[in-house]
Amino acid sequence: MMFDVLAQKLHPTPQTAISTPQAAVLILISQGESPSILYTKRAMHLRNHPGEVCFPGGMWEPGDRDLSVTALRETCEEIGLPASEARLLGSLPQFHTRAGTPVTPFIASFDHSFPLRPSDAELDSIFMVPLADFRRGIQVRVDRFERHGRVFEAPAYHYQGYEIWGFTAVVTAQLLHLLASIDS
């Protein structure tokens, strides 16, 4: 099964103490006939990143044992998926946003039939992109940006009116690369 092989290729779930401000996101892949990656669109009334597509997640809080707890807690708050409904598979390497915040992306699978509900306080919508659509080619461009004198490239994807770009697209591309290595 794809999820078992993916779990073997991911980093084990880090369970280390947090000493600096950090964040975590949860990349959810639906189980079923057409595995898909779940995304959210942030509410337009938010002060930071209004209307942007992202993964569920957020900043670590002192009550969180580790960053995996942060990712699961934030996911439940944002889309109503309890931790008991997500099978945590592992994590990708920690990334830094353009603002410099370290973010650990965790990968989990979930039952696509579970009823999700976007938090009105945080989200405009929840949507899923089938892995098959990424393979068919929904990348529309490569964005280039500079940080601390280095130039970075990030893909940008369009799907049914949604634009996936920046940090979210970079993490998506890394996951897709990993999944492609399983298929080959």
Protein backbone atom coordinates (compact mmCIF):
# COMPACT_ATOMS: atom_id res chain seq x y z
CA MET A 1 0.00 0.00 0.00
CA MET A 2 1.21 3.48 -0.90
CA PHE A 3 0.85 4.81 2.66
CA ASP A 4 3.00 2.07 4.21
CA VAL A 5 5.80 2.66 1.69
CA LEU A 6 5.51 6.42 2.14
CA ALA A 7 5.80 6.05 5.92
CA GLN A 8 9.09 4.18 5.43
CA LYS A 9 10.51 7.05 3.33
CA LEU A 10 9.53 9.84 5.72
CA HIS A 11 11.43 11.01 8.77
CA PRO A 12 10.15 9.50 12.01
CA THR A 13 7.90 11.86 13.93
CA PRO A 14 10.27 14.15 15.86
CA GLN A 15 9.43 14.38 19.54
CA THR A 16 11.87 16.99 20.73
CA ALA A 17 11.41 19.91 23.07
CA ILE A 18 10.73 23.28 21.44
CA SER A 19 13.13 26.10 22.27
CA THR A 20 12.37 28.69 19.58
CA PRO A 21 9.13 29.82 17.92
CA GLN A 22 8.21 27.10 15.44
CA ALA A 23 5.21 25.95 13.48
CA ALA A 24 3.89 22.71 12.07
CA VAL A 25 1.54 21.83 9.23
CA LEU A 26 -0.30 18.62 8.48
CA ILE A 27 -0.38 17.42 4.90
CA LEU A 28 -3.35 15.11 4.67
CA ILE A 29 -3.67 12.55 1.90
CA SER A 30 -7.09 10.98 1.52
CA GLN A 31 -7.45 7.21 1.44
CA GLY A 32 -9.69 5.87 -1.29
CA GLU A 33 -9.86 5.29 -5.03
CA SER A 34 -8.38 8.68 -5.88
CA PRO A 35 -5.86 9.72 -3.20
CA SER A 36 -5.83 13.51 -2.89
CA ILE A 37 -3.94 16.18 -0.96
CA LEU A 38 -6.06 18.39 1.29
CA TYR A 39 -5.61 22.17 1.22
CA THR A 40 -7.33 25.06 2.91
CA LYS A 41 -7.92 28.63 1.78
CA ARG A 42 -7.40 31.17 4.54
CA ALA A 43 -10.24 33.57 5.29
CA MET A 44 -10.05 36.99 3.67
CA HIS A 45 -10.57 38.80 6.99
CA LEU A 46 -7.32 37.46 8.49
CA ARG A 47 -4.45 39.87 9.10
CA ASN A 48 -1.74 37.45 7.91
CA HIS A 49 -1.87 35.77 4.50
CA PRO A 50 -5.58 36.41 3.77
CA GLY A 51 -6.98 34.30 0.94
CA GLU A 52 -3.85 32.19 0.56
CA VAL A 53 -3.92 28.44 0.05
CA CYS A 54 -2.14 26.49 2.76
CA PHE A 55 -2.10 23.30 4.78
CA PRO A 56 -3.80 23.10 8.17
CA GLY A 57 -1.34 24.07 10.87
CA GLY A 58 0.08 26.85 12.95
CA MET A 59 2.41 27.91 15.72
CA TRP A 60 3.51 25.65 18.57
CA GLU A 61 1.89 26.45 21.90
CA PRO A 62 3.32 25.65 25.37
CA GLY A 63 0.66 22.96 25.99
CA ASP A 64 1.78 21.01 22.89
CA ARG A 65 4.09 18.11 23.78
CA ASP A 66 5.82 18.40 20.40
CA LEU A 67 5.25 19.70 16.89
CA SER A 68 3.19 16.68 15.79
CA VAL A 69 0.69 17.58 18.53
CA THR A 70 0.70 21.16 17.20
CA ALA A 71 -0.09 19.96 13.68
CA LEU A 72 -2.89 17.66 14.86
CA ARG A 73 -4.38 20.26 17.23
CA GLU A 74 -4.40 22.97 14.58
CA THR A 75 -5.92 20.58 12.03
CA CYS A 76 -8.78 19.76 14.38
CA GLU A 77 -9.35 23.48 15.08
CA GLU A 78 -9.28 24.44 11.40
CA ILE A 79 -11.09 21.60 9.60
CA GLY A 80 -12.71 19.53 12.37
CA LEU A 81 -10.60 16.39 11.83
CA PRO A 82 -9.74 14.92 15.25
CA ALA A 83 -6.29 13.44 15.82
CA SER A 84 -7.89 9.99 16.15
CA GLU A 85 -8.98 10.20 12.49
CA ALA A 86 -5.48 10.96 11.11
CA ARG A 87 -2.84 8.26 10.66
CA LEU A 88 0.46 10.08 11.18
CA LEU A 89 3.04 8.67 8.74
CA GLY A 90 6.09 10.82 9.53
CA SER A 91 7.50 14.17 8.47
CA LEU A 92 9.39 15.90 5.71
CA PRO A 93 12.51 17.90 6.59
CA GLN A 94 11.89 21.17 8.40
CA PHE A 95 11.52 24.17 6.07
CA HIS A 96 11.72 27.89 6.69
CA THR A 97 9.17 30.33 5.40
CA ARG A 98 10.32 33.48 3.61
CA ALA A 99 9.91 35.26 6.95
CA GLY A 100 12.33 32.73 8.47
CA THR A 101 9.88 30.74 10.63
CA PRO A 102 10.88 27.06 10.92
CA VAL A 103 7.97 24.80 9.93
CA THR A 104 7.86 21.01 10.18
CA PRO A 105 5.51 19.40 7.62
CA PHE A 106 3.90 16.20 8.91
CA ILE A 107 2.22 13.74 6.57
CA ALA A 108 -0.90 11.79 7.52
CA SER A 109 -3.61 9.82 5.80
CA PHE A 110 -7.31 10.05 6.54
CA ASP A 111 -10.61 8.57 5.40
CA HIS A 112 -11.91 10.75 2.55
CA SER A 113 -15.50 10.22 3.73
CA PHE A 114 -14.93 11.91 7.11
CA PRO A 115 -17.10 15.07 7.22
CA LEU A 116 -14.80 18.10 7.35
CA ARG A 117 -15.93 21.61 8.29
CA PRO A 118 -13.85 24.75 7.79
CA SER A 119 -13.53 27.05 10.81
CA ASP A 120 -15.35 30.28 9.95
CA ALA A 121 -12.82 32.17 12.06
CA GLU A 122 -9.86 30.95 10.00
CA LEU A 123 -10.89 29.52 6.62
CA ASP A 124 -12.93 30.28 3.54
CA SER A 125 -12.78 26.72 2.20
CA ILE A 126 -11.30 23.23 2.19
CA PHE A 127 -10.48 21.51 -1.09
CA MET A 128 -8.62 18.45 -2.28
CA VAL A 129 -6.39 17.96 -5.31
CA PRO A 130 -6.11 14.39 -6.65
CA LEU A 131 -2.55 13.12 -6.95
CA ALA A 132 -3.44 12.10 -10.51
CA ASP A 133 -4.05 15.76 -11.42
CA PHE A 134 -0.54 16.70 -10.28
CA ARG A 135 0.83 13.90 -12.46
CA ARG A 136 -1.22 15.20 -15.42
CA GLY A 137 0.38 18.61 -14.96
CA ILE A 138 -1.27 21.49 -13.11
CA GLN A 139 1.97 23.40 -12.55
CA VAL A 140 1.66 26.76 -14.31
CA ARG A 141 4.94 28.50 -13.54
CA VAL A 142 8.08 28.63 -11.41
CA ASP A 143 8.37 31.58 -9.03
CA ARG A 144 11.82 32.88 -8.10
CA PHE A 145 12.52 34.80 -4.92
CA GLU A 146 15.58 35.91 -3.01
CA ARG A 147 16.28 35.45 0.69
CA HIS A 148 19.56 36.33 2.40
CA GLY A 149 21.32 36.65 -0.94
CA ARG A 150 20.19 33.25 -2.24
CA VAL A 151 17.71 32.71 -5.05
CA PHE A 152 15.07 30.04 -4.53
CA GLU A 153 12.59 28.56 -6.97
CA ALA A 154 9.11 27.37 -6.17
CA PRO A 155 6.48 25.84 -8.44
CA ALA A 156 3.00 27.28 -8.63
CA TYR A 157 -0.07 25.15 -9.31
CA HIS A 158 -3.61 26.04 -10.40
CA TYR A 159 -6.55 23.79 -9.60
CA GLN A 160 -10.23 24.70 -10.05
CA GLY A 161 -9.65 28.39 -9.40
CA TYR A 162 -7.22 27.89 -6.51
CA GLU A 163 -3.58 28.94 -6.73
CA ILE A 164 -1.05 26.92 -4.73
CA TRP A 165 2.24 28.80 -4.49
CA GLY A 166 5.07 29.77 -2.14
CA PHE A 167 5.82 27.64 0.91
CA THR A 168 2.77 25.42 0.34
CA ALA A 169 3.84 24.67 -3.24
CA VAL A 170 7.45 23.93 -2.22
CA VAL A 171 6.28 21.41 0.38
CA THR A 172 3.79 19.95 -2.13
CA ALA A 173 6.58 19.51 -4.70
CA GLN A 174 8.77 17.73 -2.16
CA LEU A 175 5.95 15.34 -1.28
CA LEU A 176 5.17 14.73 -4.96
CA HIS A 177 8.84 13.95 -5.62
CA LEU A 178 8.82 11.45 -2.77
CA LEU A 179 5.59 9.85 -4.05
CA ALA A 180 7.07 9.61 -7.57
CA SER A 181 9.98 7.62 -6.17
CA ILE A 182 7.47 5.12 -4.78
CA ASP A 183 5.73 4.73 -8.15
CA SER A 184 8.99 4.07 -10.02
